[in-house]
Amino acid sequence: MKQDSTRNAAYTVDCEDYVHVVKFNPFDSGDACSLIAYGGNNYVVVGACRFQEEDAEVEGMQYKTLRTFQHGIRVDAIAWSPETRLDALPPQIRFCTAASDRKLRLFTSDLQDKNECQTFDGHSDYINDLVFSPKEGQEIASVSDDHTCRVWDLEGNEKAHFGLRSPGMSVCWHPEEAFKLMVAEKNGTIRFYDIITHQIILSLKCEQMPLMSADWCLKNAFKIGAVAGRDWLIWDVTCSSYPQDKRPVHVDRARLFSWSQVNENLFATTGYPGKTTTQLLIHHLGHPQPILTGTAAVGSGLTWHRTLPLCAVGGDHKIFFWVTEM
């Protein structure tokens, strides 16, 4: 693993394929290493990372592939299950993917002989995002261009079905708000649903389109962030249904928004993949300008480390990692 200053990334990992999506495990897996999964054109790779920022004995970054899972089709989204444990005997890896054939695939592996894959059918159009319930991991929520949010059990049975007024772009489940689901729609509306009664609890308005991505802040459950058009937008749900703060940041359209897992004022956005590069911006709410700008060759995906102010973006046969200050 080498320091790669030409592209502005602190570290890079070489991959065998174009990386469409990359995801750090946001849950504690009981091991010192961080799990990361990335998806290519027909497989998912699960690997373990360690960084010098968390372990002085590591020189730069260590990365090791744990297993490659055949997928057979392009991977569009990945979600980790909180049931993933590396400290169990045998260990358990569990994650779910969304693919271009409008199906969800649930993978369960002990990294040895047991490798199971279940397929969930139901969506009639492209699936944009998915997430596991953060406490027990017994349910998966997904949103789609078919104007629905669906909640599934681990057998693939549909437990809930929310009709939307436009494509569902993002879905989030907060560990402190286990009975609420946040769904962001392309028309600029973000709604919170009660998982038990299926009622809408709260609606937020963007007042601009298209909303492409939204995220629920782990460190402060009252904070919601999104990108729509060229802007990032931040809500404080205790104050108003309209954004508290917004700023134009990307020359073209913005594509992804993701909160840091360690700081409620730190977040990242990416621009639309250009002809050659994708711009990554890291923002701090106390600073008027982005605190870090990076570029990745035709980058896609955006994910933050569970315990470090470090994020990753996928690209052409590479994953790029950027480190920032708290």
C-alpha atoms as a PDB file:
ATOM      1  CA  MET A   1       0.000   0.000   0.000  1.00  0.00           C
ATOM      2  CA  LYS A   2       1.544   3.284  -1.050  1.00  0.00           C
ATOM      3  CA  GLN A   3       0.879   6.909  -0.205  1.00  0.00           C
ATOM      4  CA  ASP A   4      -0.602   8.337  -3.397  1.00  0.00           C
ATOM      5  CA  SER A   5      -0.226  12.114  -3.460  1.00  0.00           C
ATOM      6  CA  THR A   6      -0.800  12.600  -7.191  1.00  0.00           C
ATOM      7  CA  ARG A   7      -4.492  11.906  -6.794  1.00  0.00           C
ATOM      8  CA  ASN A   8      -4.660  13.477  -3.397  1.00  0.00           C
ATOM      9  CA  ALA A   9      -5.592  10.200  -1.704  1.00  0.00           C
ATOM     10  CA  ALA A  10      -3.703   9.120   1.426  1.00  0.00           C
ATOM     11  CA  TYR A  11      -3.897   5.445   0.425  1.00  0.00           C
ATOM     12  CA  THR A  12      -5.044   3.297  -2.466  1.00  0.00           C
ATOM     13  CA  VAL A  13      -5.911  -0.375  -2.809  1.00  0.00           C
ATOM     14  CA  ASP A  14      -5.656  -2.021  -6.217  1.00  0.00           C
ATOM     15  CA  CYS A  15      -8.707  -4.010  -7.329  1.00  0.00           C
ATOM     16  CA  GLU A  16      -9.242  -6.481 -10.157  1.00  0.00           C
ATOM     17  CA  ASP A  17     -12.262  -4.692 -11.560  1.00  0.00           C
ATOM     18  CA  TYR A  18     -13.980  -1.338 -11.794  1.00  0.00           C
ATOM     19  CA  VAL A  19     -15.376  -0.548  -8.310  1.00  0.00           C
ATOM     20  CA  HIS A  20     -19.023   0.551  -8.511  1.00  0.00           C
ATOM     21  CA  VAL A  21     -19.683   0.683  -4.789  1.00  0.00           C
ATOM     22  CA  VAL A  22     -17.609   0.545  -1.595  1.00  0.00           C
ATOM     23  CA  LYS A  23     -18.806   0.213   2.013  1.00  0.00           C
ATOM     24  CA  PHE A  24     -17.042   0.105   5.371  1.00  0.00           C
ATOM     25  CA  ASN A  25     -18.846  -2.040   7.932  1.00  0.00           C
ATOM     26  CA  PRO A  26     -20.493   0.581  10.221  1.00  0.00           C
ATOM     27  CA  PHE A  27     -20.907  -1.987  13.043  1.00  0.00           C
ATOM     28  CA  ASP A  28     -18.381  -3.363  15.522  1.00  0.00           C
ATOM     29  CA  SER A  29     -17.376  -6.814  14.273  1.00  0.00           C
ATOM     30  CA  GLY A  30     -15.306  -7.633  17.364  1.00  0.00           C
ATOM     31  CA  ASP A  31     -11.957  -7.357  15.603  1.00  0.00           C
ATOM     32  CA  ALA A  32      -9.243  -4.691  15.462  1.00  0.00           C
ATOM     33  CA  CYS A  33      -9.471  -4.620  11.672  1.00  0.00           C
ATOM     34  CA  SER A  34     -12.154  -2.701   9.780  1.00  0.00           C
ATOM     35  CA  LEU A  35     -14.185  -4.691   7.299  1.00  0.00           C
ATOM     36  CA  ILE A  36     -14.743  -3.194   3.868  1.00  0.00           C
ATOM     37  CA  ALA A  37     -16.805  -4.563   0.974  1.00  0.00           C
ATOM     38  CA  TYR A  38     -16.648  -3.429  -2.613  1.00  0.00           C
ATOM     39  CA  GLY A  39     -18.639  -4.417  -5.664  1.00  0.00           C
ATOM     40  CA  GLY A  40     -17.527  -4.752  -9.257  1.00  0.00           C
ATOM     41  CA  ASN A  41     -19.186  -5.922 -12.460  1.00  0.00           C
ATOM     42  CA  ASN A  42     -19.863  -9.459 -11.246  1.00  0.00           C
ATOM     43  CA  TYR A  43     -18.467 -10.016  -7.762  1.00  0.00           C
ATOM     44  CA  VAL A  44     -18.210  -8.598  -4.228  1.00  0.00           C
ATOM     45  CA  VAL A  45     -14.909  -8.568  -2.354  1.00  0.00           C
ATOM     46  CA  VAL A  46     -14.778  -8.467   1.454  1.00  0.00           C
ATOM     47  CA  GLY A  47     -11.484  -7.305   2.930  1.00  0.00           C
ATOM     48  CA  ALA A  48      -9.947  -6.196   6.226  1.00  0.00           C
ATOM     49  CA  CYS A  49      -8.085  -2.887   6.682  1.00  0.00           C
ATOM     50  CA  ARG A  50      -5.867  -1.360   9.335  1.00  0.00           C
ATOM     51  CA  PHE A  51      -4.493   2.198   9.241  1.00  0.00           C
ATOM     52  CA  GLN A  52      -1.492   3.889  10.856  1.00  0.00           C
ATOM     53  CA  GLU A  53      -3.919   6.495  12.257  1.00  0.00           C
ATOM     54  CA  GLU A  54      -5.263   3.794  14.619  1.00  0.00           C
ATOM     55  CA  ASP A  55      -2.224   1.523  15.038  1.00  0.00           C
ATOM     56  CA  ALA A  56       1.314   2.916  15.218  1.00  0.00           C
ATOM     57  CA  GLU A  57       2.757  -0.436  14.165  1.00  0.00           C
ATOM     58  CA  VAL A  58       1.046  -0.235  10.787  1.00  0.00           C
ATOM     59  CA  GLU A  59       3.044   1.476   8.079  1.00  0.00           C
ATOM     60  CA  GLY A  60       0.485   3.522   6.182  1.00  0.00           C
ATOM     61  CA  MET A  61      -2.247   0.994   5.549  1.00  0.00           C
ATOM     62  CA  GLN A  62      -2.624  -2.782   5.610  1.00  0.00           C
ATOM     63  CA  TYR A  63      -5.239  -4.469   3.459  1.00  0.00           C
ATOM     64  CA  LYS A  64      -6.096  -8.147   3.082  1.00  0.00           C
ATOM     65  CA  THR A  65      -8.851  -9.753   0.989  1.00  0.00           C
ATOM     66  CA  LEU A  66     -10.857 -12.217   3.081  1.00  0.00           C
ATOM     67  CA  ARG A  67     -13.163 -13.588   0.393  1.00  0.00           C
ATOM     68  CA  THR A  68     -14.462 -12.919  -3.093  1.00  0.00           C
ATOM     69  CA  PHE A  69     -18.165 -13.648  -3.644  1.00  0.00           C
ATOM     70  CA  GLN A  70     -19.410 -14.389  -7.144  1.00  0.00           C
ATOM     71  CA  HIS A  71     -22.313 -12.096  -7.936  1.00  0.00           C
ATOM     72  CA  GLY A  72     -22.865 -12.695 -11.652  1.00  0.00           C
ATOM     73  CA  ILE A  73     -24.131  -9.177 -12.318  1.00  0.00           C
ATOM     74  CA  ARG A  74     -23.136  -5.564 -11.611  1.00  0.00           C
ATOM     75  CA  VAL A  75     -23.298  -4.589  -7.924  1.00  0.00           C
ATOM     76  CA  ASP A  76     -25.148  -1.293  -7.353  1.00  0.00           C
ATOM     77  CA  ALA A  77     -25.382  -1.061  -3.560  1.00  0.00           C
ATOM     78  CA  ILE A  78     -24.097  -2.926  -0.489  1.00  0.00           C
ATOM     79  CA  ALA A  79     -25.352  -2.960   3.110  1.00  0.00           C
ATOM     80  CA  TRP A  80     -23.639  -4.641   6.085  1.00  0.00           C
ATOM     81  CA  SER A  81     -25.506  -6.619   8.733  1.00  0.00           C
ATOM     82  CA  PRO A  82     -24.810  -5.969  12.447  1.00  0.00           C
ATOM     83  CA  GLU A  83     -24.712  -9.783  12.759  1.00  0.00           C
ATOM     84  CA  THR A  84     -21.300  -9.781  11.055  1.00  0.00           C
ATOM     85  CA  ARG A  85     -18.810 -11.002  13.696  1.00  0.00           C
ATOM     86  CA  LEU A  86     -15.143 -11.837  13.292  1.00  0.00           C
ATOM     87  CA  ASP A  87     -14.766 -12.788  16.989  1.00  0.00           C
ATOM     88  CA  ALA A  88     -17.311 -15.626  16.778  1.00  0.00           C
ATOM     89  CA  LEU A  89     -16.458 -19.274  16.157  1.00  0.00           C
ATOM     90  CA  PRO A  90     -16.920 -19.742  13.309  1.00  0.00           C
ATOM     91  CA  PRO A  91     -16.873 -16.093  12.166  1.00  0.00           C
ATOM     92  CA  GLN A  92     -19.898 -14.758  10.318  1.00  0.00           C
ATOM     93  CA  ILE A  93     -19.926 -12.328   7.406  1.00  0.00           C
ATOM     94  CA  ARG A  94     -23.373 -11.100   6.366  1.00  0.00           C
ATOM     95  CA  PHE A  95     -24.231  -8.392   3.853  1.00  0.00           C
ATOM     96  CA  CYS A  96     -26.862  -7.662   1.249  1.00  0.00           C
ATOM     97  CA  THR A  97     -26.492  -6.270  -2.265  1.00  0.00           C
ATOM     98  CA  ALA A  98     -28.741  -4.583  -4.799  1.00  0.00           C
ATOM     99  CA  ALA A  99     -28.085  -5.386  -8.438  1.00  0.00           C
ATOM    100  CA  SER A 100     -29.068  -4.133 -11.864  1.00  0.00           C
ATOM    101  CA  ASP A 101     -31.581  -7.011 -12.256  1.00  0.00           C
ATOM    102  CA  ARG A 102     -33.782  -5.359  -9.551  1.00  0.00           C
ATOM    103  CA  LYS A 103     -33.050  -8.124  -7.035  1.00  0.00           C
ATOM    104  CA  LEU A 104     -31.577  -8.095  -3.533  1.00  0.00           C
ATOM    105  CA  ARG A 105     -29.040 -10.775  -2.631  1.00  0.00           C
ATOM    106  CA  LEU A 106     -28.320 -11.730   0.982  1.00  0.00           C
ATOM    107  CA  PHE A 107     -24.873 -13.283   1.485  1.00  0.00           C
ATOM    108  CA  THR A 108     -23.911 -15.238   4.617  1.00  0.00           C
ATOM    109  CA  SER A 109     -20.454 -16.801   4.991  1.00  0.00           C
ATOM    110  CA  ASP A 110     -18.189 -18.280   7.653  1.00  0.00           C
ATOM    111  CA  LEU A 111     -15.196 -17.486   5.377  1.00  0.00           C
ATOM    112  CA  GLN A 112     -14.676 -21.244   4.968  1.00  0.00           C
ATOM    113  CA  ASP A 113     -17.160 -23.787   3.581  1.00  0.00           C
ATOM    114  CA  LYS A 114     -20.473 -22.079   4.306  1.00  0.00           C
ATOM    115  CA  ASN A 115     -21.353 -19.532   1.635  1.00  0.00           C
ATOM    116  CA  GLU A 116     -25.067 -18.912   1.214  1.00  0.00           C
ATOM    117  CA  CYS A 117     -26.822 -16.506  -1.120  1.00  0.00           C
ATOM    118  CA  GLN A 118     -30.575 -15.794  -1.046  1.00  0.00           C
ATOM    119  CA  THR A 119     -32.323 -13.716  -3.700  1.00  0.00           C
ATOM    120  CA  PHE A 120     -35.216 -11.355  -2.864  1.00  0.00           C
ATOM    121  CA  ASP A 121     -37.649 -10.458  -5.650  1.00  0.00           C
ATOM    122  CA  GLY A 122     -40.244  -7.705  -5.608  1.00  0.00           C
ATOM    123  CA  HIS A 123     -38.941  -4.390  -6.879  1.00  0.00           C
ATOM    124  CA  SER A 124     -39.975  -3.621 -10.449  1.00  0.00           C
ATOM    125  CA  ASP A 125     -37.252  -1.046 -11.157  1.00  0.00           C
ATOM    126  CA  TYR A 126     -33.699  -0.074 -10.242  1.00  0.00           C
ATOM    127  CA  ILE A 127     -32.844  -0.326  -6.489  1.00  0.00           C
ATOM    128  CA  ASN A 128     -30.962   2.751  -5.290  1.00  0.00           C
ATOM    129  CA  ASP A 129     -30.186   1.995  -1.640  1.00  0.00           C
ATOM    130  CA  LEU A 130     -30.655  -0.574   1.122  1.00  0.00           C
ATOM    131  CA  VAL A 131     -29.950  -0.871   4.861  1.00  0.00           C
ATOM    132  CA  PHE A 132     -30.189  -3.459   7.667  1.00  0.00           C
ATOM    133  CA  SER A 133     -32.069  -2.770  10.895  1.00  0.00           C
ATOM    134  CA  PRO A 134     -29.190  -1.600  13.106  1.00  0.00           C
ATOM    135  CA  LYS A 135     -29.929  -3.483  16.341  1.00  0.00           C
ATOM    136  CA  GLU A 136     -30.614  -7.133  15.513  1.00  0.00           C
ATOM    137  CA  GLY A 137     -30.210  -7.010  11.747  1.00  0.00           C
ATOM    138  CA  GLN A 138     -33.343  -9.114  11.190  1.00  0.00           C
ATOM    139  CA  GLU A 139     -34.834  -6.808   8.560  1.00  0.00           C
ATOM    140  CA  ILE A 140     -33.630  -5.050   5.415  1.00  0.00           C
ATOM    141  CA  ALA A 141     -35.154  -1.891   3.936  1.00  0.00           C
ATOM    142  CA  SER A 142     -34.698  -0.963   0.268  1.00  0.00           C
ATOM    143  CA  VAL A 143     -35.759   1.948  -1.960  1.00  0.00           C
ATOM    144  CA  SER A 144     -36.240   1.933  -5.699  1.00  0.00           C
ATOM    145  CA  ASP A 145     -37.087   3.849  -8.854  1.00  0.00           C
ATOM    146  CA  ASP A 146     -40.393   1.913  -8.699  1.00  0.00           C
ATOM    147  CA  HIS A 147     -41.627   4.545  -6.158  1.00  0.00           C
ATOM    148  CA  THR A 148     -41.571   2.145  -3.197  1.00  0.00           C
ATOM    149  CA  CYS A 149     -39.687   1.523   0.018  1.00  0.00           C
ATOM    150  CA  ARG A 150     -39.924  -2.119   1.066  1.00  0.00           C
ATOM    151  CA  VAL A 151     -38.952  -3.856   4.301  1.00  0.00           C
ATOM    152  CA  TRP A 152     -37.951  -7.538   4.117  1.00  0.00           C
ATOM    153  CA  ASP A 153     -37.206 -10.250   6.633  1.00  0.00           C
ATOM    154  CA  LEU A 154     -34.117 -12.410   6.119  1.00  0.00           C
ATOM    155  CA  GLU A 155     -36.176 -15.033   4.278  1.00  0.00           C
ATOM    156  CA  GLY A 156     -37.083 -12.472   1.637  1.00  0.00           C
ATOM    157  CA  ASN A 157     -40.693 -11.948   2.762  1.00  0.00           C
ATOM    158  CA  GLU A 158     -41.991  -8.418   2.339  1.00  0.00           C
ATOM    159  CA  LYS A 159     -42.932  -7.119   5.814  1.00  0.00           C
ATOM    160  CA  ALA A 160     -43.836  -3.546   4.883  1.00  0.00           C
ATOM    161  CA  HIS A 161     -44.415  -1.570   1.712  1.00  0.00           C
ATOM    162  CA  PHE A 162     -44.434   2.241   1.560  1.00  0.00           C
ATOM    163  CA  GLY A 163     -45.689   3.943  -1.599  1.00  0.00           C
ATOM    164  CA  LEU A 164     -43.589   6.973  -2.586  1.00  0.00           C
ATOM    165  CA  ARG A 165     -44.379   9.903  -4.879  1.00  0.00           C
ATOM    166  CA  SER A 166     -41.090   9.696  -6.796  1.00  0.00           C
ATOM    167  CA  PRO A 167     -38.035   7.394  -6.963  1.00  0.00           C
ATOM    168  CA  GLY A 168     -36.597   6.450  -3.558  1.00  0.00           C
ATOM    169  CA  MET A 169     -32.923   7.475  -3.490  1.00  0.00           C
ATOM    170  CA  SER A 170     -31.747   6.805   0.090  1.00  0.00           C
ATOM    171  CA  VAL A 171     -32.964   4.826   3.085  1.00  0.00           C
ATOM    172  CA  CYS A 172     -31.481   5.098   6.598  1.00  0.00           C
ATOM    173  CA  TRP A 173     -32.050   3.355   9.923  1.00  0.00           C
ATOM    174  CA  HIS A 174     -30.585   4.971  13.067  1.00  0.00           C
ATOM    175  CA  PRO A 175     -29.494   2.780  16.016  1.00  0.00           C
ATOM    176  CA  GLU A 176     -31.036   5.244  18.490  1.00  0.00           C
ATOM    177  CA  GLU A 177     -34.314   5.428  16.515  1.00  0.00           C
ATOM    178  CA  ALA A 178     -34.883   1.756  15.759  1.00  0.00           C
ATOM    179  CA  PHE A 179     -38.621   2.159  15.037  1.00  0.00           C
ATOM    180  CA  LYS A 180     -38.181   4.913  12.465  1.00  0.00           C
ATOM    181  CA  LEU A 181     -37.099   4.657   8.847  1.00  0.00           C
ATOM    182  CA  MET A 182     -35.828   7.658   6.896  1.00  0.00           C
ATOM    183  CA  VAL A 183     -36.660   7.650   3.180  1.00  0.00           C
ATOM    184  CA  ALA A 184     -35.384  10.323   0.777  1.00  0.00           C
ATOM    185  CA  GLU A 185     -37.140  10.827  -2.546  1.00  0.00           C
ATOM    186  CA  LYS A 186     -35.853  12.286  -5.796  1.00  0.00           C
ATOM    187  CA  ASN A 187     -38.540  15.001  -5.699  1.00  0.00           C
ATOM    188  CA  GLY A 188     -36.790  16.582  -2.699  1.00  0.00           C
ATOM    189  CA  THR A 189     -38.934  15.141   0.124  1.00  0.00           C
ATOM    190  CA  ILE A 190     -37.451  13.257   3.087  1.00  0.00           C
ATOM    191  CA  ARG A 191     -39.942  11.339   5.217  1.00  0.00           C
ATOM    192  CA  PHE A 192     -39.709   9.437   8.474  1.00  0.00           C
ATOM    193  CA  TYR A 193     -41.960   6.402   8.775  1.00  0.00           C
ATOM    194  CA  ASP A 194     -43.016   4.563  11.915  1.00  0.00           C
ATOM    195  CA  ILE A 195     -42.001   0.936  11.312  1.00  0.00           C
ATOM    196  CA  ILE A 196     -44.786  -0.408  13.540  1.00  0.00           C
ATOM    197  CA  THR A 197     -47.800   1.682  12.429  1.00  0.00           C
ATOM    198  CA  HIS A 198     -46.440   2.492   8.923  1.00  0.00           C
ATOM    199  CA  GLN A 199     -47.509   6.123   9.461  1.00  0.00           C
ATOM    200  CA  ILE A 200     -45.501   9.173   8.362  1.00  0.00           C
ATOM    201  CA  ILE A 201     -44.056  10.841  11.478  1.00  0.00           C
ATOM    202  CA  LEU A 202     -42.214  13.768   9.901  1.00  0.00           C
ATOM    203  CA  SER A 203     -41.512  15.297   6.478  1.00  0.00           C
ATOM    204  CA  LEU A 204     -38.576  17.480   5.449  1.00  0.00           C
ATOM    205  CA  LYS A 205     -38.538  19.642   2.315  1.00  0.00           C
ATOM    206  CA  CYS A 206     -35.608  20.345   0.032  1.00  0.00           C
ATOM    207  CA  GLU A 207     -37.405  22.803  -2.242  1.00  0.00           C
ATOM    208  CA  GLN A 208     -35.107  21.734  -5.064  1.00  0.00           C
ATOM    209  CA  MET A 209     -34.631  18.763  -7.351  1.00  0.00           C
ATOM    210  CA  PRO A 210     -33.279  16.284  -8.035  1.00  0.00           C
ATOM    211  CA  LEU A 211     -32.404  15.041  -4.553  1.00  0.00           C
ATOM    212  CA  MET A 212     -29.800  12.348  -5.228  1.00  0.00           C
ATOM    213  CA  SER A 213     -28.668  11.208  -1.779  1.00  0.00           C
ATOM    214  CA  ALA A 214     -29.429  11.787   1.909  1.00  0.00           C
ATOM    215  CA  ASP A 215     -27.984  10.580   5.207  1.00  0.00           C
ATOM    216  CA  TRP A 216     -28.992  10.479   8.876  1.00  0.00           C
ATOM    217  CA  CYS A 217     -26.210  11.652  11.199  1.00  0.00           C
ATOM    218  CA  LEU A 218     -25.045   8.841  13.500  1.00  0.00           C
ATOM    219  CA  LYS A 219     -23.587  11.194  16.129  1.00  0.00           C
ATOM    220  CA  ASN A 220     -26.646  13.474  16.264  1.00  0.00           C
ATOM    221  CA  ALA A 221     -29.985  11.910  15.336  1.00  0.00           C
ATOM    222  CA  PHE A 222     -31.564  15.390  14.898  1.00  0.00           C
ATOM    223  CA  LYS A 223     -29.297  16.123  11.923  1.00  0.00           C
ATOM    224  CA  ILE A 224     -30.101  15.121   8.350  1.00  0.00           C
ATOM    225  CA  GLY A 225     -27.970  15.919   5.301  1.00  0.00           C
ATOM    226  CA  ALA A 226     -28.561  15.628   1.572  1.00  0.00           C
ATOM    227  CA  VAL A 227     -27.389  16.718  -1.855  1.00  0.00           C
ATOM    228  CA  ALA A 228     -29.817  18.117  -4.429  1.00  0.00           C
ATOM    229  CA  GLY A 229     -28.871  19.882  -7.644  1.00  0.00           C
ATOM    230  CA  ARG A 230     -25.416  21.368  -7.000  1.00  0.00           C
ATOM    231  CA  ASP A 231     -26.004  21.950  -3.271  1.00  0.00           C
ATOM    232  CA  TRP A 232     -25.562  20.208   0.031  1.00  0.00           C
ATOM    233  CA  LEU A 233     -28.347  20.799   2.563  1.00  0.00           C
ATOM    234  CA  ILE A 234     -28.511  20.228   6.322  1.00  0.00           C
ATOM    235  CA  TRP A 235     -31.648  19.995   8.491  1.00  0.00           C
ATOM    236  CA  ASP A 236     -32.069  20.165  12.242  1.00  0.00           C
ATOM    237  CA  VAL A 237     -35.364  18.311  12.703  1.00  0.00           C
ATOM    238  CA  THR A 238     -35.997  20.044  16.056  1.00  0.00           C
ATOM    239  CA  CYS A 239     -36.129  23.437  14.329  1.00  0.00           C
ATOM    240  CA  SER A 240     -37.827  23.265  10.961  1.00  0.00           C
ATOM    241  CA  SER A 241     -38.859  21.081   8.060  1.00  0.00           C
ATOM    242  CA  TYR A 242     -36.756  23.361   5.825  1.00  0.00           C
ATOM    243  CA  PRO A 243     -32.955  23.242   5.585  1.00  0.00           C
ATOM    244  CA  GLN A 244     -31.022  25.064   8.285  1.00  0.00           C
ATOM    245  CA  ASP A 245     -27.989  25.420   6.044  1.00  0.00           C
ATOM    246  CA  LYS A 246     -27.239  24.890   2.360  1.00  0.00           C
ATOM    247  CA  ARG A 247     -24.430  25.639  -0.050  1.00  0.00           C
ATOM    248  CA  PRO A 248     -23.637  25.087  -3.735  1.00  0.00           C
ATOM    249  CA  VAL A 249     -20.467  23.010  -3.905  1.00  0.00           C
ATOM    250  CA  HIS A 250     -20.268  20.985  -7.103  1.00  0.00           C
ATOM    251  CA  VAL A 251     -19.939  22.527 -10.549  1.00  0.00           C
ATOM    252  CA  ASP A 252     -22.197  19.867 -12.076  1.00  0.00           C
ATOM    253  CA  ARG A 253     -24.746  17.977 -10.041  1.00  0.00           C
ATOM    254  CA  ALA A 254     -23.827  16.561  -6.651  1.00  0.00           C
ATOM    255  CA  ARG A 255     -24.207  12.782  -6.401  1.00  0.00           C
ATOM    256  CA  LEU A 256     -23.646  11.453  -2.852  1.00  0.00           C
ATOM    257  CA  PHE A 257     -23.835  12.745   0.731  1.00  0.00           C
ATOM    258  CA  SER A 258     -22.385  10.885   3.710  1.00  0.00           C
ATOM    259  CA  TRP A 259     -21.892  11.889   7.368  1.00  0.00           C
ATOM    260  CA  SER A 260     -18.722  10.968   9.217  1.00  0.00           C
ATOM    261  CA  GLN A 261     -19.260   8.216  11.800  1.00  0.00           C
ATOM    262  CA  VAL A 262     -17.166  10.064  14.398  1.00  0.00           C
ATOM    263  CA  ASN A 263     -18.051  13.769  14.190  1.00  0.00           C
ATOM    264  CA  GLU A 264     -21.481  15.361  13.772  1.00  0.00           C
ATOM    265  CA  ASN A 265     -20.000  18.350  11.895  1.00  0.00           C
ATOM    266  CA  LEU A 266     -17.996  16.368   9.346  1.00  0.00           C
ATOM    267  CA  PHE A 267     -19.460  15.103   6.058  1.00  0.00           C
ATOM    268  CA  ALA A 268     -18.459  14.334   2.498  1.00  0.00           C
ATOM    269  CA  THR A 269     -20.084  14.881  -0.884  1.00  0.00           C
ATOM    270  CA  THR A 270     -19.186  13.678  -4.358  1.00  0.00           C
ATOM    271  CA  GLY A 271     -19.928  15.177  -7.737  1.00  0.00           C
ATOM    272  CA  TYR A 272     -21.311  13.297 -10.696  1.00  0.00           C
ATOM    273  CA  PRO A 273     -18.692  11.120 -12.369  1.00  0.00           C
ATOM    274  CA  GLY A 274     -17.229  13.371 -15.056  1.00  0.00           C
ATOM    275  CA  LYS A 275     -15.614  12.134 -18.239  1.00  0.00           C
ATOM    276  CA  THR A 276     -12.368  11.464 -16.364  1.00  0.00           C
ATOM    277  CA  THR A 277     -12.599  12.331 -12.675  1.00  0.00           C
ATOM    278  CA  THR A 278     -15.038  12.565  -9.813  1.00  0.00           C
ATOM    279  CA  GLN A 279     -14.643  15.259  -7.212  1.00  0.00           C
ATOM    280  CA  LEU A 280     -14.792  14.350  -3.537  1.00  0.00           C
ATOM    281  CA  LEU A 281     -15.282  17.198  -1.056  1.00  0.00           C
ATOM    282  CA  ILE A 282     -15.001  16.872   2.714  1.00  0.00           C
ATOM    283  CA  HIS A 283     -16.828  19.596   4.632  1.00  0.00           C
ATOM    284  CA  HIS A 284     -16.852  20.764   8.246  1.00  0.00           C
ATOM    285  CA  LEU A 285     -19.852  22.798   9.370  1.00  0.00           C
ATOM    286  CA  GLY A 286     -17.524  25.266  11.126  1.00  0.00           C
ATOM    287  CA  HIS A 287     -15.672  26.090   7.894  1.00  0.00           C
ATOM    288  CA  PRO A 288     -17.056  28.100   4.953  1.00  0.00           C
ATOM    289  CA  GLN A 289     -14.984  26.155   2.381  1.00  0.00           C
ATOM    290  CA  PRO A 290     -14.452  22.386   1.987  1.00  0.00           C
ATOM    291  CA  ILE A 291     -11.561  21.249   4.193  1.00  0.00           C
ATOM    292  CA  LEU A 292     -10.384  18.664   1.664  1.00  0.00           C
ATOM    293  CA  THR A 293     -10.790  18.224  -2.080  1.00  0.00           C
ATOM    294  CA  GLY A 294      -9.889  14.977  -3.770  1.00  0.00           C
ATOM    295  CA  THR A 295     -10.325  13.500  -7.206  1.00  0.00           C
ATOM    296  CA  ALA A 296     -10.752   9.881  -8.228  1.00  0.00           C
ATOM    297  CA  ALA A 297     -10.666   8.493 -11.754  1.00  0.00           C
ATOM    298  CA  VAL A 298     -14.348   7.902 -12.589  1.00  0.00           C
ATOM    299  CA  GLY A 299     -15.086   7.407  -8.911  1.00  0.00           C
ATOM    300  CA  SER A 300     -18.259   5.932  -7.475  1.00  0.00           C
ATOM    301  CA  GLY A 301     -19.454   5.098  -3.994  1.00  0.00           C
ATOM    302  CA  LEU A 302     -18.635   6.941  -0.761  1.00  0.00           C
ATOM    303  CA  THR A 303     -18.122   5.500   2.717  1.00  0.00           C
ATOM    304  CA  TRP A 304     -16.693   6.542   6.111  1.00  0.00           C
ATOM    305  CA  HIS A 305     -14.583   4.476   8.510  1.00  0.00           C
ATOM    306  CA  ARG A 306     -16.370   3.488  11.739  1.00  0.00           C
ATOM    307  CA  THR A 307     -13.854   5.082  14.158  1.00  0.00           C
ATOM    308  CA  LEU A 308     -11.578   7.348  12.083  1.00  0.00           C
ATOM    309  CA  PRO A 309     -12.169  10.577  10.124  1.00  0.00           C
ATOM    310  CA  LEU A 310     -11.307   8.652   6.966  1.00  0.00           C
ATOM    311  CA  CYS A 311     -13.440   8.044   3.885  1.00  0.00           C
ATOM    312  CA  ALA A 312     -13.149   5.951   0.765  1.00  0.00           C
ATOM    313  CA  VAL A 313     -14.355   6.198  -2.834  1.00  0.00           C
ATOM    314  CA  GLY A 314     -14.268   3.460  -5.471  1.00  0.00           C
ATOM    315  CA  GLY A 315     -12.796   3.978  -8.933  1.00  0.00           C
ATOM    316  CA  ASP A 316     -11.229   2.327 -11.946  1.00  0.00           C
ATOM    317  CA  HIS A 317      -9.522  -0.809 -10.527  1.00  0.00           C
ATOM    318  CA  LYS A 318      -8.830   1.097  -7.290  1.00  0.00           C
ATOM    319  CA  ILE A 319     -10.232   2.223  -3.965  1.00  0.00           C
ATOM    320  CA  PHE A 320      -9.047   5.647  -2.809  1.00  0.00           C
ATOM    321  CA  PHE A 321      -8.813   6.594   0.874  1.00  0.00           C
ATOM    322  CA  TRP A 322      -8.668  10.123   2.262  1.00  0.00           C
ATOM    323  CA  VAL A 323      -7.854  11.068   5.853  1.00  0.00           C
ATOM    324  CA  THR A 324      -8.896  14.358   7.415  1.00  0.00           C
ATOM    325  CA  GLU A 325      -8.623  16.080  10.783  1.00  0.00           C
ATOM    326  CA  MET A 326     -11.434  15.930  13.333  1.00  0.00           C
END
